[in-house]
Amino acid sequence: MLGDWERHRRRSSSTRHKCEKEQKEETEEKFEQLVPKLGGNDREKHKAEARKRADVTPTKYGEIQLQKQQQEIVHCSNNEGTSGNEKTMGVSGLGEGIPMSERSEDIFANDIFGESPIGAQELGKKRSFLIKENAHCDNWDDPGGYYTYHCGEVLHGRYEIMAGHGMGVFSNVVRAKDLKAGKGDSSEVAIKIIRNIPVMYKAGKQEISILEKLASADPKDRRHCVRFISSFMYRNHLCLIFESLHMNLRELLKKFGSDVGLKLTAVRTYSKQLFIALKHLKSCNVLHCDIKPDNVLVNEAKTKLKLCDFGSAMPTGTNEITPYLVSRFYRAPEIILGLPYNHPLDMWSVGCSLFELYTGKLLFPGKTNNDMLRLHMESKGALPKKMLRKGTFAKEHFDQDFKYFHEKDPVTKMTVKRHPVMNIKRQDVSSVVSSFPGEDPKMLFNFNDLLKRILVLDPEKRLKVEQALSHPFVSGK
């Protein structure tokens, strides 16, 4: 009989390998999200790059940082780890998802302003210092193309790095002091350092183009999109400079509403500001394509939010069909089915995020696209047949009679066998939201109504942003 220690070791090893596999798949999926932005002619090239780069997973990155032999310790303060990973463990029902960021072993977030690598995070929290690598001219990058920075380093002769501020699939982010800040300007900025990979550089340039367009259309900074300051090249890395804000909504939830959510009055305030941001995007013909709590920042007073991370954003009208656009839990059904998409995809993501802000739970914690469709239909009923007829990828989830099949082997739990599902058990979102006592009944009714109108399977019938801004829950009328 195995001892307790051996059983624990094997269980931990199994969990680690499973997490690494999921992280590799997620990294590859993130790379494939670049395909519609960078042009259909390079599809296979990008997929090959995705498979290659997915081998350098976040866990491996953390291990590499810890295993390097010659490291110099430098003191650095205020290196607070943040959380943005959205994997779930052991959940599959509507509104039952608990973000993996609530788990102690979560060490990486695929978002701007996400969590620092485990080595730097633990050192920063426990002993207030960070790891400094040997930054020789031939050793600027790690094996994954990330820039290896150190505290106190001055970028572009102007920005002194104060602390690591996160790491994602596309970049790492640092907090820095602007040594040439003007009078009245904030001296602290956030710098997004794009990985030294050609496809990332190209995506970064497109992000800058969109950020500049949004900023020029909002000179008074009133439209709740993160303020882009400028960009520069540093040691073959494209660097984007942003205003520095306090925390993202994922961190806010973890700190003030873990597993229970925020007060409905706060959700109403944030919803209005999100819809103002969506209206601004619509007027500029821009799709964000990755709205979720991780990509919404709040100020220190927690009264004002701003939409951030436009790394997946794109202009409307010329977008290639892909089933991997938008982070999975916030992915609209038209994306999964392979239908043309537009502004309604961002509205769907906002609806999922608002539910999460109020309940503290993921609304649709699907493990695959197939599983996501199951959860969508459990909440909203059968998908319209017109969507299934036109969907490029519908045949991957429905048979010729439009009957949904759930791909799952009952023994291995792998998604390989197709089992038609004759009846979908329906559980409306309101049944989950209404179970929370202590809120104003009228406001709660209006919130449920707002979610019902947003989370419509047919994107053509989904609530428009102008309608959302005038909805009683948002307007308070």
Protein backbone atom coordinates (compact mmCIF):
# COMPACT_ATOMS: atom_id res chain seq x y z
CA MET A 1 0.00 0.00 0.00
CA LEU A 2 1.32 3.45 -0.93
CA GLY A 3 2.11 5.80 1.87
CA ASP A 4 0.38 9.16 2.18
CA TRP A 5 3.45 10.99 0.90
CA GLU A 6 3.70 8.84 -2.24
CA ARG A 7 0.00 9.22 -3.00
CA HIS A 8 0.32 12.97 -2.57
CA ARG A 9 3.40 13.06 -4.82
CA ARG A 10 1.66 11.13 -7.60
CA ARG A 11 -1.50 13.21 -7.29
CA SER A 12 0.52 16.44 -7.43
CA SER A 13 2.49 15.18 -10.44
CA SER A 14 -0.71 14.24 -12.25
CA THR A 15 -2.24 17.65 -11.52
CA ARG A 16 0.91 19.43 -12.70
CA HIS A 17 1.02 17.52 -15.99
CA LYS A 18 -2.68 18.21 -16.55
CA CYS A 19 -2.18 21.93 -15.92
CA GLU A 20 0.82 22.04 -18.28
CA LYS A 21 -1.23 20.31 -21.00
CA GLU A 22 -4.08 22.80 -20.53
CA GLN A 23 -1.66 25.72 -20.56
CA LYS A 24 -0.07 24.48 -23.78
CA GLU A 25 -3.49 24.13 -25.42
CA GLU A 26 -4.48 27.58 -24.24
CA THR A 27 -1.24 29.11 -25.51
CA GLU A 28 -1.80 27.50 -28.91
CA GLU A 29 -5.35 28.78 -28.91
CA LYS A 30 -4.11 32.29 -28.15
CA PHE A 31 -1.72 32.13 -31.10
CA GLU A 32 -4.52 30.94 -33.36
CA GLN A 33 -6.50 34.01 -32.33
CA LEU A 34 -3.90 36.01 -34.24
CA VAL A 35 -4.85 34.33 -37.55
CA PRO A 36 -7.86 36.52 -38.35
CA LYS A 37 -5.84 39.63 -37.55
CA LEU A 38 -2.76 38.80 -39.56
CA GLY A 39 -4.34 37.51 -42.74
CA GLY A 40 -5.67 34.22 -44.07
CA ASN A 41 -2.67 33.62 -46.32
CA ASP A 42 -0.53 32.93 -43.27
CA ARG A 43 -2.97 30.59 -41.51
CA GLU A 44 -0.82 27.44 -41.65
CA LYS A 45 2.30 29.40 -40.84
CA HIS A 46 0.66 30.88 -37.74
CA LYS A 47 -0.69 27.50 -36.65
CA ALA A 48 2.78 25.99 -36.96
CA GLU A 49 4.14 28.88 -34.90
CA ALA A 50 1.43 28.29 -32.34
CA ARG A 51 2.33 24.62 -31.96
CA LYS A 52 6.01 25.48 -31.70
CA ARG A 53 5.66 28.30 -29.20
CA ALA A 54 3.08 26.46 -27.11
CA ASP A 55 5.93 24.24 -25.93
CA VAL A 56 7.19 27.17 -23.88
CA THR A 57 4.33 27.13 -21.39
CA PRO A 58 3.94 29.54 -18.45
CA THR A 59 4.88 26.79 -15.99
CA LYS A 60 8.07 26.07 -17.93
CA TYR A 61 8.83 29.78 -17.94
CA GLY A 62 8.59 29.87 -14.16
CA GLU A 63 10.78 26.80 -13.85
CA ILE A 64 13.39 28.28 -16.18
CA GLN A 65 13.51 31.43 -14.08
CA LEU A 66 14.07 29.41 -10.93
CA GLN A 67 16.62 26.99 -12.40
CA LYS A 68 19.05 29.53 -13.83
CA GLN A 69 22.25 29.31 -11.83
CA GLN A 70 23.68 32.83 -11.87
CA GLN A 71 21.10 35.19 -10.50
CA GLU A 72 21.52 38.51 -8.84
CA ILE A 73 19.05 39.52 -6.14
CA VAL A 74 17.92 43.14 -6.19
CA HIS A 75 15.51 44.78 -3.79
CA CYS A 76 12.21 45.87 -5.23
CA SER A 77 9.03 46.89 -3.46
CA ASN A 78 5.32 46.73 -4.22
CA ASN A 79 5.47 43.61 -6.38
CA GLU A 80 1.97 42.41 -5.72
CA GLY A 81 0.99 39.34 -7.70
CA THR A 82 -2.36 39.58 -9.45
CA SER A 83 -4.69 37.03 -10.78
CA GLY A 84 -6.33 36.52 -14.11
CA ASN A 85 -6.25 32.88 -15.09
CA GLU A 86 -9.67 31.62 -15.98
CA LYS A 87 -9.36 27.85 -15.86
CA THR A 88 -11.79 26.00 -13.61
CA MET A 89 -11.57 22.72 -11.77
CA GLY A 90 -14.34 20.17 -11.39
CA VAL A 91 -17.23 22.34 -12.59
CA SER A 92 -19.52 22.04 -15.55
CA GLY A 93 -22.89 23.58 -14.62
CA LEU A 94 -24.42 26.94 -15.38
CA GLY A 95 -23.05 29.64 -13.08
CA GLU A 96 -20.95 27.17 -11.10
CA GLY A 97 -17.49 28.09 -12.31
CA ILE A 98 -14.91 29.26 -9.82
CA PRO A 99 -11.90 30.88 -11.56
CA MET A 100 -8.72 28.93 -10.94
CA SER A 101 -7.19 32.18 -9.75
CA GLU A 102 -8.88 31.44 -6.42
CA ARG A 103 -6.65 28.35 -6.09
CA SER A 104 -3.22 28.63 -4.48
CA GLU A 105 -1.44 26.77 -7.28
CA ASP A 106 -2.53 29.23 -9.97
CA ILE A 107 0.67 30.89 -11.09
CA PHE A 108 0.02 32.44 -14.45
CA ALA A 109 -2.45 34.65 -16.24
CA ASN A 110 -2.77 35.05 -20.00
CA ASP A 111 -3.71 38.69 -19.72
CA ILE A 112 -2.12 42.08 -19.50
CA PHE A 113 -1.78 43.01 -15.80
CA GLY A 114 -2.02 39.33 -14.89
CA GLU A 115 0.02 37.34 -12.42
CA SER A 116 3.80 37.37 -12.18
CA PRO A 117 5.85 34.18 -12.67
CA ILE A 118 5.91 32.15 -9.48
CA GLY A 119 9.54 32.79 -8.60
CA ALA A 120 9.32 36.56 -8.78
CA GLN A 121 5.91 36.58 -7.15
CA GLU A 122 6.92 34.59 -4.09
CA LEU A 123 10.14 36.50 -3.61
CA GLY A 124 8.35 39.81 -3.98
CA LYS A 125 5.66 38.89 -1.47
CA LYS A 126 7.77 37.19 1.15
CA ARG A 127 11.06 39.09 1.16
CA SER A 128 10.41 42.16 -1.00
CA PHE A 129 12.91 41.49 -3.77
CA LEU A 130 12.93 40.22 -7.33
CA ILE A 131 15.21 38.05 -9.42
CA LYS A 132 17.54 39.91 -11.71
CA GLU A 133 18.94 37.95 -14.63
CA ASN A 134 22.31 38.55 -16.26
CA ALA A 135 21.21 41.11 -18.84
CA HIS A 136 24.07 40.81 -21.32
CA CYS A 137 23.47 42.02 -24.86
CA ASP A 138 23.24 38.41 -26.04
CA ASN A 139 20.98 37.30 -23.20
CA TRP A 140 18.12 39.78 -23.20
CA ASP A 141 15.41 37.23 -23.98
CA ASP A 142 14.36 33.98 -22.38
CA PRO A 143 13.64 30.89 -24.52
CA GLY A 144 10.05 32.05 -25.10
CA GLY A 145 11.04 35.43 -26.50
CA TYR A 146 10.07 37.35 -23.35
CA TYR A 147 12.32 40.23 -22.36
CA THR A 148 14.31 39.51 -19.18
CA TYR A 149 14.16 42.77 -17.27
CA HIS A 150 15.37 43.81 -13.82
CA CYS A 151 14.22 46.39 -11.32
CA GLY A 152 16.00 49.68 -11.66
CA GLU A 153 16.64 49.17 -15.38
CA VAL A 154 15.85 52.27 -17.43
CA LEU A 155 14.05 51.62 -20.72
CA HIS A 156 14.41 54.03 -23.62
CA GLY A 157 16.46 56.37 -21.43
CA ARG A 158 13.29 57.41 -19.60
CA TYR A 159 11.29 54.67 -17.87
CA GLU A 160 12.76 53.13 -14.73
CA ILE A 161 11.29 49.69 -13.97
CA MET A 162 9.78 49.56 -10.48
CA ALA A 163 8.26 46.06 -10.48
CA GLY A 164 6.88 43.28 -12.58
CA HIS A 165 3.19 43.80 -13.23
CA GLY A 166 2.18 40.65 -15.04
CA MET A 167 2.91 38.29 -17.88
CA GLY A 168 0.75 36.95 -20.69
CA VAL A 169 0.93 34.89 -23.83
CA PHE A 170 1.76 37.95 -25.93
CA SER A 171 3.88 40.03 -23.57
CA ASN A 172 5.08 40.80 -20.08
CA VAL A 173 4.12 44.01 -18.30
CA VAL A 174 6.07 46.17 -15.86
CA ARG A 175 5.30 49.16 -13.71
CA ALA A 176 7.74 51.97 -14.33
CA LYS A 177 8.54 55.52 -13.25
CA ASP A 178 8.61 58.16 -15.98
CA LEU A 179 11.79 60.06 -15.22
CA LYS A 180 10.75 62.85 -17.60
CA ALA A 181 7.12 63.22 -16.54
CA GLY A 182 5.78 66.73 -16.96
CA LYS A 183 4.37 68.85 -14.18
CA GLY A 184 0.92 67.58 -13.26
CA ASP A 185 1.40 64.27 -15.07
CA SER A 186 1.47 60.95 -13.28
CA SER A 187 5.00 59.63 -12.99
CA GLU A 188 3.91 55.98 -12.91
CA VAL A 189 3.13 54.12 -16.13
CA ALA A 190 2.54 50.55 -17.24
CA ILE A 191 4.71 49.23 -20.07
CA LYS A 192 3.67 46.25 -22.15
CA ILE A 193 6.80 44.58 -23.57
CA ILE A 194 5.83 42.49 -26.59
CA ARG A 195 7.62 39.15 -27.04
CA ASN A 196 10.45 39.14 -29.56
CA ILE A 197 8.60 37.08 -32.18
CA PRO A 198 7.74 38.46 -35.66
CA VAL A 199 4.06 37.53 -35.48
CA MET A 200 3.80 39.24 -32.09
CA TYR A 201 5.49 42.37 -33.38
CA LYS A 202 3.02 42.58 -36.25
CA ALA A 203 0.08 42.10 -33.88
CA GLY A 204 1.55 44.75 -31.57
CA LYS A 205 1.72 47.29 -34.41
CA GLN A 206 -1.95 46.61 -35.19
CA GLU A 207 -2.81 47.10 -31.54
CA ILE A 208 -1.05 50.48 -31.58
CA SER A 209 -3.03 51.50 -34.66
CA ILE A 210 -6.30 50.72 -32.89
CA LEU A 211 -5.23 52.40 -29.65
CA GLU A 212 -4.29 55.57 -31.50
CA LYS A 213 -7.65 55.58 -33.29
CA LEU A 214 -9.56 55.21 -30.03
CA ALA A 215 -7.47 57.89 -28.30
CA SER A 216 -7.85 60.43 -31.11
CA ALA A 217 -11.64 60.02 -30.95
CA ASP A 218 -11.59 60.60 -27.17
CA PRO A 219 -9.31 63.61 -26.54
CA LYS A 220 -10.90 64.35 -23.14
CA ASP A 221 -10.46 60.75 -21.92
CA ARG A 222 -14.13 60.16 -21.08
CA ARG A 223 -14.91 56.93 -22.95
CA HIS A 224 -13.49 54.42 -20.44
CA CYS A 225 -10.75 52.94 -22.59
CA VAL A 226 -7.25 52.74 -21.13
CA ARG A 227 -5.15 55.74 -22.12
CA PHE A 228 -2.37 54.86 -24.55
CA ILE A 229 0.61 57.21 -24.20
CA SER A 230 3.22 56.14 -26.78
CA SER A 231 5.43 53.29 -27.97
CA PHE A 232 9.10 52.61 -28.62
CA MET A 233 11.51 49.84 -29.58
CA TYR A 234 13.92 48.52 -26.97
CA ARG A 235 16.37 45.68 -27.64
CA ASN A 236 14.19 44.27 -30.44
CA HIS A 237 11.02 44.45 -28.33
CA LEU A 238 8.06 46.64 -29.17
CA CYS A 239 7.01 48.45 -25.98
CA LEU A 240 3.62 50.08 -25.40
CA ILE A 241 3.17 52.70 -22.67
CA PHE A 242 -0.15 53.07 -20.84
CA GLU A 243 -1.48 54.95 -17.86
CA SER A 244 -1.10 52.87 -14.72
CA LEU A 245 -4.30 51.92 -12.90
CA HIS A 246 -4.86 50.25 -9.54
CA MET A 247 -6.18 46.75 -10.28
CA ASN A 248 -8.40 44.79 -12.65
CA LEU A 249 -11.90 43.53 -11.95
CA ARG A 250 -10.67 39.97 -11.44
CA GLU A 251 -8.46 41.21 -8.60
CA LEU A 252 -11.29 43.35 -7.27
CA LEU A 253 -13.57 40.34 -7.17
CA LYS A 254 -10.96 38.24 -5.42
CA LYS A 255 -10.31 40.91 -2.82
CA PHE A 256 -13.84 42.15 -2.12
CA GLY A 257 -16.27 39.62 -3.55
CA SER A 258 -14.58 36.23 -3.70
CA ASP A 259 -17.21 33.58 -4.46
CA VAL A 260 -20.02 36.00 -3.54
CA GLY A 261 -19.69 38.91 -5.96
CA LEU A 262 -20.10 42.65 -5.62
CA LYS A 263 -23.07 44.74 -4.53
CA LEU A 264 -25.60 45.38 -7.26
CA THR A 265 -25.11 49.15 -7.00
CA ALA A 266 -21.42 48.69 -7.86
CA VAL A 267 -22.32 46.39 -10.75
CA ARG A 268 -24.69 49.04 -12.08
CA THR A 269 -21.99 51.72 -11.95
CA TYR A 270 -19.49 49.50 -13.74
CA SER A 271 -22.03 48.33 -16.32
CA LYS A 272 -22.77 51.89 -17.43
CA GLN A 273 -19.08 52.64 -17.89
CA LEU A 274 -18.56 49.39 -19.83
CA PHE A 275 -21.41 50.26 -22.17
CA ILE A 276 -19.94 53.72 -22.72
CA ALA A 277 -16.68 52.01 -23.72
CA LEU A 278 -18.59 49.67 -26.06
CA LYS A 279 -20.35 52.62 -27.68
CA HIS A 280 -16.98 54.28 -28.23
CA LEU A 281 -15.62 51.12 -29.87
CA LYS A 282 -18.68 50.91 -32.08
CA SER A 283 -18.34 54.53 -33.21
CA CYS A 284 -14.70 53.80 -34.11
CA ASN A 285 -15.60 50.52 -35.90
CA VAL A 286 -13.46 48.46 -33.52
CA LEU A 287 -14.12 45.04 -31.98
CA HIS A 288 -12.35 44.35 -28.69
CA CYS A 289 -12.68 40.56 -28.95
CA ASP A 290 -11.51 39.74 -25.42
CA ILE A 291 -13.70 41.47 -22.85
CA LYS A 292 -13.61 39.85 -19.42
CA PRO A 293 -12.97 41.02 -15.83
CA ASP A 294 -9.21 40.57 -16.29
CA ASN A 295 -9.21 43.15 -19.08
CA VAL A 296 -11.06 45.88 -17.20
CA LEU A 297 -9.04 48.13 -14.89
CA VAL A 298 -10.26 50.30 -12.01
CA ASN A 299 -8.76 53.32 -10.31
CA GLU A 300 -7.64 53.33 -6.69
CA ALA A 301 -10.99 54.74 -5.51
CA LYS A 302 -12.73 51.92 -7.42
CA THR A 303 -15.18 54.40 -8.89
CA LYS A 304 -13.94 54.47 -12.47
CA LEU A 305 -13.09 51.62 -14.81
CA LYS A 306 -11.34 51.40 -18.15
CA LEU A 307 -11.31 48.70 -20.80
CA CYS A 308 -7.77 47.51 -21.51
CA ASP A 309 -5.73 44.96 -23.47
CA PHE A 310 -6.57 45.57 -27.10
CA GLY A 311 -4.16 42.86 -28.24
CA SER A 312 -7.01 40.88 -29.81
CA ALA A 313 -8.90 43.92 -31.10
CA MET A 314 -9.57 44.41 -34.80
CA PRO A 315 -11.47 46.66 -37.20
CA THR A 316 -14.97 45.59 -38.15
CA GLY A 317 -15.86 44.16 -41.53
CA THR A 318 -12.77 42.25 -42.68
CA ASN A 319 -12.48 39.50 -40.12
CA GLU A 320 -11.74 35.86 -40.78
CA ILE A 321 -13.89 33.14 -39.24
CA THR A 322 -12.18 31.39 -36.32
CA PRO A 323 -13.59 29.32 -33.43
CA TYR A 324 -10.96 30.58 -30.98
CA LEU A 325 -11.67 34.30 -30.88
CA VAL A 326 -12.35 35.69 -27.38
CA SER A 327 -11.39 33.87 -24.17
CA ARG A 328 -13.50 30.72 -24.01
CA PHE A 329 -15.76 31.47 -21.02
CA TYR A 330 -16.80 34.76 -22.60
CA ARG A 331 -17.05 33.48 -26.19
CA ALA A 332 -20.33 34.10 -28.00
CA PRO A 333 -22.10 31.17 -29.76
CA GLU A 334 -21.66 32.74 -33.22
CA ILE A 335 -17.88 32.49 -32.80
CA ILE A 336 -18.01 28.82 -31.83
CA LEU A 337 -20.33 27.99 -34.75
CA GLY A 338 -18.19 29.85 -37.27
CA LEU A 339 -20.60 32.63 -38.25
CA PRO A 340 -19.73 36.18 -39.31
CA TYR A 341 -19.30 38.34 -36.23
CA ASN A 342 -19.57 41.99 -35.27
CA HIS A 343 -20.20 44.17 -32.21
CA PRO A 344 -22.69 41.72 -30.62
CA LEU A 345 -19.75 39.43 -29.71
CA ASP A 346 -18.44 42.09 -27.31
CA MET A 347 -21.92 42.61 -25.87
CA TRP A 348 -22.14 38.88 -25.08
CA SER A 349 -18.79 39.06 -23.26
CA VAL A 350 -19.99 42.03 -21.22
CA GLY A 351 -23.10 40.10 -20.21
CA CYS A 352 -21.00 37.17 -18.99
CA SER A 353 -18.73 39.57 -17.10
CA LEU A 354 -21.61 41.39 -15.39
CA PHE A 355 -23.04 38.08 -14.19
CA GLU A 356 -19.63 37.20 -12.80
CA LEU A 357 -19.24 40.55 -11.04
CA TYR A 358 -22.52 40.08 -9.21
CA THR A 359 -22.32 36.38 -8.37
CA GLY A 360 -18.56 35.82 -8.14
CA LYS A 361 -19.03 32.79 -10.43
CA LEU A 362 -18.28 32.08 -14.07
CA LEU A 363 -21.53 31.90 -16.01
CA PHE A 364 -20.39 29.45 -18.69
CA PRO A 365 -17.37 27.44 -17.40
CA GLY A 366 -17.14 25.15 -20.44
CA LYS A 367 -14.02 23.04 -20.89
CA THR A 368 -14.29 23.02 -24.71
CA ASN A 369 -16.24 24.84 -27.39
CA ASN A 370 -18.58 21.87 -27.51
CA ASP A 371 -19.15 22.11 -23.78
CA MET A 372 -19.72 25.86 -24.08
CA LEU A 373 -22.58 25.28 -26.52
CA ARG A 374 -24.16 22.83 -24.08
CA LEU A 375 -24.09 25.45 -21.34
CA HIS A 376 -25.45 28.11 -23.70
CA MET A 377 -28.40 25.90 -24.60
CA GLU A 378 -29.03 24.87 -21.00
CA SER A 379 -29.42 28.55 -20.22
CA LYS A 380 -31.12 29.89 -23.35
CA GLY A 381 -32.68 26.92 -25.12
CA ALA A 382 -31.93 25.44 -28.56
CA LEU A 383 -29.84 27.39 -31.02
CA PRO A 384 -31.76 28.80 -34.01
CA LYS A 385 -31.56 26.45 -36.99
CA LYS A 386 -30.60 29.33 -39.28
CA MET A 387 -27.39 29.71 -37.27
CA LEU A 388 -26.67 25.98 -37.54
CA ARG A 389 -27.27 25.96 -41.30
CA LYS A 390 -24.83 28.82 -41.89
CA GLY A 391 -22.22 27.98 -39.26
CA THR A 392 -18.89 26.86 -40.70
CA PHE A 393 -18.16 24.72 -37.64
CA ALA A 394 -21.73 23.65 -36.78
CA LYS A 395 -21.11 20.11 -38.03
CA GLU A 396 -18.51 19.67 -35.30
CA HIS A 397 -21.26 19.95 -32.69
CA PHE A 398 -24.54 18.99 -34.40
CA ASP A 399 -25.64 16.15 -36.67
CA GLN A 400 -27.47 16.51 -39.99
CA ASP A 401 -30.80 16.81 -38.14
CA PHE A 402 -29.41 19.66 -36.01
CA LYS A 403 -29.30 17.50 -32.90
CA TYR A 404 -26.51 18.47 -30.56
CA PHE A 405 -23.99 15.80 -29.62
CA HIS A 406 -21.77 15.94 -26.56
CA GLU A 407 -18.26 14.74 -27.31
CA LYS A 408 -17.08 12.82 -24.28
CA ASP A 409 -15.71 9.36 -23.67
CA PRO A 410 -17.31 8.11 -20.41
CA VAL A 411 -14.15 6.17 -19.46
CA THR A 412 -11.23 8.43 -20.40
CA LYS A 413 -13.26 11.67 -20.27
CA MET A 414 -11.58 12.62 -23.54
CA THR A 415 -13.67 14.39 -26.18
CA VAL A 416 -13.61 11.72 -28.84
CA LYS A 417 -17.03 10.04 -28.95
CA ARG A 418 -20.19 11.64 -30.26
CA HIS A 419 -23.34 11.15 -28.22
CA PRO A 420 -26.50 12.86 -29.51
CA VAL A 421 -28.38 14.71 -26.81
CA MET A 422 -32.13 14.62 -27.42
CA ASN A 423 -33.24 17.04 -24.70
CA ILE A 424 -31.36 19.98 -23.23
CA LYS A 425 -32.27 20.72 -19.62
CA ARG A 426 -32.95 24.43 -19.45
CA GLN A 427 -31.89 26.57 -16.50
CA ASP A 428 -32.34 30.28 -17.03
CA VAL A 429 -29.73 32.72 -15.73
CA SER A 430 -32.36 34.48 -13.60
CA SER A 431 -32.76 31.39 -11.45
CA VAL A 432 -29.13 31.79 -10.37
CA VAL A 433 -29.10 35.57 -10.01
CA SER A 434 -32.40 35.81 -8.13
CA SER A 435 -31.19 33.49 -5.39
CA PHE A 436 -29.15 36.28 -3.78
CA PRO A 437 -31.05 38.04 -0.98
CA GLY A 438 -30.62 41.54 0.38
CA GLU A 439 -30.81 43.48 -2.87
CA ASP A 440 -33.49 45.94 -3.98
CA PRO A 441 -36.12 43.76 -5.73
CA LYS A 442 -36.77 46.25 -8.52
CA MET A 443 -33.06 46.70 -9.26
CA LEU A 444 -32.57 42.93 -9.21
CA PHE A 445 -35.50 42.46 -11.59
CA ASN A 446 -34.00 45.02 -13.96
CA PHE A 447 -30.59 43.36 -13.76
CA ASN A 448 -32.11 40.02 -14.68
CA ASP A 449 -33.93 41.64 -17.56
CA LEU A 450 -30.72 43.26 -18.80
CA LEU A 451 -28.87 39.93 -18.77
CA LYS A 452 -31.79 38.22 -20.51
CA ARG A 453 -31.68 40.77 -23.34
CA ILE A 454 -27.89 40.64 -23.65
CA LEU A 455 -27.46 36.86 -23.52
CA VAL A 456 -29.51 36.10 -26.63
CA LEU A 457 -28.12 33.30 -28.78
CA ASP A 458 -28.96 35.03 -32.06
CA PRO A 459 -26.55 37.99 -32.39
CA GLU A 460 -29.02 39.86 -34.59
CA LYS A 461 -31.53 39.91 -31.72
CA ARG A 462 -29.03 40.70 -28.99
CA LEU A 463 -29.36 43.99 -27.11
CA LYS A 464 -27.62 46.92 -28.85
CA VAL A 465 -25.28 49.13 -26.85
CA GLU A 466 -27.56 52.16 -27.28
CA GLN A 467 -30.43 50.14 -25.85
CA ALA A 468 -28.26 48.95 -22.98
CA LEU A 469 -27.39 52.52 -21.96
CA SER A 470 -31.08 53.41 -21.76
CA HIS A 471 -32.09 50.21 -19.94
CA PRO A 472 -33.68 50.83 -16.49
CA PHE A 473 -30.94 48.93 -14.67
CA VAL A 474 -28.23 51.15 -16.18
CA SER A 475 -30.08 54.45 -16.26
CA GLY A 476 -31.74 53.98 -12.87
CA LYS A 477 -35.05 55.22 -14.25
